[in-house]
Amino acid sequence: MITAVVLVETEVNRVPEAAAHIADLDGVSEVYSVTGDVDLVVMVRVREHEELADVIADRLGKVPGVRSTKTYLAFRAYSRHDLDAAFALGIEAD
């Protein structure tokens, strides 16, 4: 699974509508409305790198109200939630 974190700047009056539209896109797992330099943080999870262009450039970037995006690829996760889920499945940690 490939995870991308996408920082999205929207038009000020379109944040809720853009967030709802983005949340409905295949490959998008979460959308957070945040404070700071960007309006939304979007988590994209796909199986192959080629799918990133389809989700981010071809669909997310064309959502009405989206002004700009910055994409960061995750290469390792450090999440208590993920560790708890792995132990629940019986996976042994190194």
C-alpha atoms as a PDB file:
ATOM      1  CA  MET A   1       0.000   0.000   0.000  1.00  0.00           C
ATOM      2  CA  ILE A   2       1.321   3.435  -0.972  1.00  0.00           C
ATOM      3  CA  THR A   3       0.330   6.346   1.237  1.00  0.00           C
ATOM      4  CA  ALA A   4       0.486   9.968   0.150  1.00  0.00           C
ATOM      5  CA  VAL A   5      -0.196  12.989   2.322  1.00  0.00           C
ATOM      6  CA  VAL A   6      -1.617  15.813   0.205  1.00  0.00           C
ATOM      7  CA  LEU A   7      -1.747  19.377   1.517  1.00  0.00           C
ATOM      8  CA  VAL A   8      -4.542  21.263  -0.219  1.00  0.00           C
ATOM      9  CA  GLU A   9      -5.141  24.991  -0.476  1.00  0.00           C
ATOM     10  CA  THR A  10      -8.708  25.890  -1.428  1.00  0.00           C
ATOM     11  CA  GLU A  11     -10.693  28.995  -2.177  1.00  0.00           C
ATOM     12  CA  VAL A  12     -11.774  30.382   1.201  1.00  0.00           C
ATOM     13  CA  ASN A  13     -15.488  30.052   0.547  1.00  0.00           C
ATOM     14  CA  ARG A  14     -15.210  26.501  -0.853  1.00  0.00           C
ATOM     15  CA  VAL A  15     -13.485  24.559   1.949  1.00  0.00           C
ATOM     16  CA  PRO A  16     -16.456  22.401   3.075  1.00  0.00           C
ATOM     17  CA  GLU A  17     -17.611  21.650  -0.476  1.00  0.00           C
ATOM     18  CA  ALA A  18     -14.103  20.808  -1.681  1.00  0.00           C
ATOM     19  CA  ALA A  19     -13.501  18.580   1.369  1.00  0.00           C
ATOM     20  CA  ALA A  20     -16.747  16.671   0.792  1.00  0.00           C
ATOM     21  CA  HIS A  21     -15.982  16.197  -2.910  1.00  0.00           C
ATOM     22  CA  ILE A  22     -12.422  15.031  -2.190  1.00  0.00           C
ATOM     23  CA  ALA A  23     -13.618  12.608   0.512  1.00  0.00           C
ATOM     24  CA  ASP A  24     -15.773  10.860  -2.111  1.00  0.00           C
ATOM     25  CA  LEU A  25     -12.835  10.164  -4.468  1.00  0.00           C
ATOM     26  CA  ASP A  26     -11.643   6.569  -4.799  1.00  0.00           C
ATOM     27  CA  GLY A  27      -8.232   6.245  -3.144  1.00  0.00           C
ATOM     28  CA  VAL A  28      -8.889   8.972  -0.571  1.00  0.00           C
ATOM     29  CA  SER A  29      -9.106   7.519   2.922  1.00  0.00           C
ATOM     30  CA  GLU A  30      -9.356  10.666   5.064  1.00  0.00           C
ATOM     31  CA  VAL A  31      -9.773  14.423   4.669  1.00  0.00           C
ATOM     32  CA  TYR A  32      -8.957  16.770   7.542  1.00  0.00           C
ATOM     33  CA  SER A  33      -9.860  20.446   7.711  1.00  0.00           C
ATOM     34  CA  VAL A  34      -6.910  22.090   9.463  1.00  0.00           C
ATOM     35  CA  THR A  35      -5.519  25.404  10.640  1.00  0.00           C
ATOM     36  CA  GLY A  36      -2.302  26.853   9.283  1.00  0.00           C
ATOM     37  CA  ASP A  37      -0.903  27.425   5.804  1.00  0.00           C
ATOM     38  CA  VAL A  38      -3.222  24.946   4.084  1.00  0.00           C
ATOM     39  CA  ASP A  39      -6.925  24.258   4.342  1.00  0.00           C
ATOM     40  CA  LEU A  40      -7.091  20.468   4.011  1.00  0.00           C
ATOM     41  CA  VAL A  41      -4.842  17.487   4.679  1.00  0.00           C
ATOM     42  CA  VAL A  42      -5.811  14.521   2.519  1.00  0.00           C
ATOM     43  CA  MET A  43      -4.646  10.945   3.014  1.00  0.00           C
ATOM     44  CA  VAL A  44      -4.448   8.970  -0.228  1.00  0.00           C
ATOM     45  CA  ARG A  45      -3.863   5.220  -0.148  1.00  0.00           C
ATOM     46  CA  VAL A  46      -3.368   3.262  -3.377  1.00  0.00           C
ATOM     47  CA  ARG A  47      -1.808  -0.050  -4.402  1.00  0.00           C
ATOM     48  CA  GLU A  48       0.497   1.207  -7.183  1.00  0.00           C
ATOM     49  CA  HIS A  49       2.427   4.418  -7.878  1.00  0.00           C
ATOM     50  CA  GLU A  50       0.648   4.890 -11.204  1.00  0.00           C
ATOM     51  CA  GLU A  51      -2.624   5.305  -9.336  1.00  0.00           C
ATOM     52  CA  LEU A  52      -1.290   8.405  -7.556  1.00  0.00           C
ATOM     53  CA  ALA A  53      -1.439  10.487 -10.733  1.00  0.00           C
ATOM     54  CA  ASP A  54      -5.006   9.361 -11.360  1.00  0.00           C
ATOM     55  CA  VAL A  55      -6.174  10.231  -7.856  1.00  0.00           C
ATOM     56  CA  ILE A  56      -4.157  13.385  -7.166  1.00  0.00           C
ATOM     57  CA  ALA A  57      -3.476  15.125 -10.485  1.00  0.00           C
ATOM     58  CA  ASP A  58      -6.394  13.888 -12.555  1.00  0.00           C
ATOM     59  CA  ARG A  59      -9.170  14.042  -9.949  1.00  0.00           C
ATOM     60  CA  LEU A  60      -8.245  15.771  -6.674  1.00  0.00           C
ATOM     61  CA  GLY A  61      -6.468  18.649  -8.396  1.00  0.00           C
ATOM     62  CA  LYS A  62      -9.532  19.312 -10.552  1.00  0.00           C
ATOM     63  CA  VAL A  63     -12.065  19.519  -7.722  1.00  0.00           C
ATOM     64  CA  PRO A  64     -13.866  22.893  -7.839  1.00  0.00           C
ATOM     65  CA  GLY A  65     -12.326  25.218  -5.269  1.00  0.00           C
ATOM     66  CA  VAL A  66      -8.904  23.526  -5.103  1.00  0.00           C
ATOM     67  CA  ARG A  67      -6.198  26.138  -5.739  1.00  0.00           C
ATOM     68  CA  SER A  68      -3.026  24.122  -5.148  1.00  0.00           C
ATOM     69  CA  THR A  69      -1.687  20.849  -3.775  1.00  0.00           C
ATOM     70  CA  LYS A  70       1.589  19.587  -2.331  1.00  0.00           C
ATOM     71  CA  THR A  71       2.097  15.848  -2.169  1.00  0.00           C
ATOM     72  CA  TYR A  72       4.350  13.928   0.220  1.00  0.00           C
ATOM     73  CA  LEU A  73       4.890  10.178  -0.119  1.00  0.00           C
ATOM     74  CA  ALA A  74       5.139   8.166   3.089  1.00  0.00           C
ATOM     75  CA  PHE A  75       7.792   5.442   3.194  1.00  0.00           C
ATOM     76  CA  ARG A  76       7.330   4.257   6.777  1.00  0.00           C
ATOM     77  CA  ALA A  77       4.507   4.538   9.305  1.00  0.00           C
ATOM     78  CA  TYR A  78       4.985   5.026  13.022  1.00  0.00           C
ATOM     79  CA  SER A  79       1.481   4.695  14.373  1.00  0.00           C
ATOM     80  CA  ARG A  80       0.337   3.280  17.678  1.00  0.00           C
ATOM     81  CA  HIS A  81      -2.909   2.350  15.930  1.00  0.00           C
ATOM     82  CA  ASP A  82      -1.002   0.277  13.328  1.00  0.00           C
ATOM     83  CA  LEU A  83       1.070  -1.447  16.002  1.00  0.00           C
ATOM     84  CA  ASP A  84      -2.027  -2.348  18.030  1.00  0.00           C
ATOM     85  CA  ALA A  85      -3.714  -3.735  14.903  1.00  0.00           C
ATOM     86  CA  ALA A  86      -0.641  -5.848  14.057  1.00  0.00           C
ATOM     87  CA  PHE A  87      -0.544  -7.349  17.547  1.00  0.00           C
ATOM     88  CA  ALA A  88      -4.261  -8.116  17.333  1.00  0.00           C
ATOM     89  CA  LEU A  89      -3.540 -10.124  14.189  1.00  0.00           C
ATOM     90  CA  GLY A  90      -0.770 -12.056  15.936  1.00  0.00           C
ATOM     91  CA  ILE A  91       2.117 -10.514  13.997  1.00  0.00           C
ATOM     92  CA  GLU A  92       5.354 -10.615  15.965  1.00  0.00           C
ATOM     93  CA  ALA A  93       7.396  -7.405  16.168  1.00  0.00           C
ATOM     94  CA  ASP A  94      11.164  -7.460  15.559  1.00  0.00           C
END
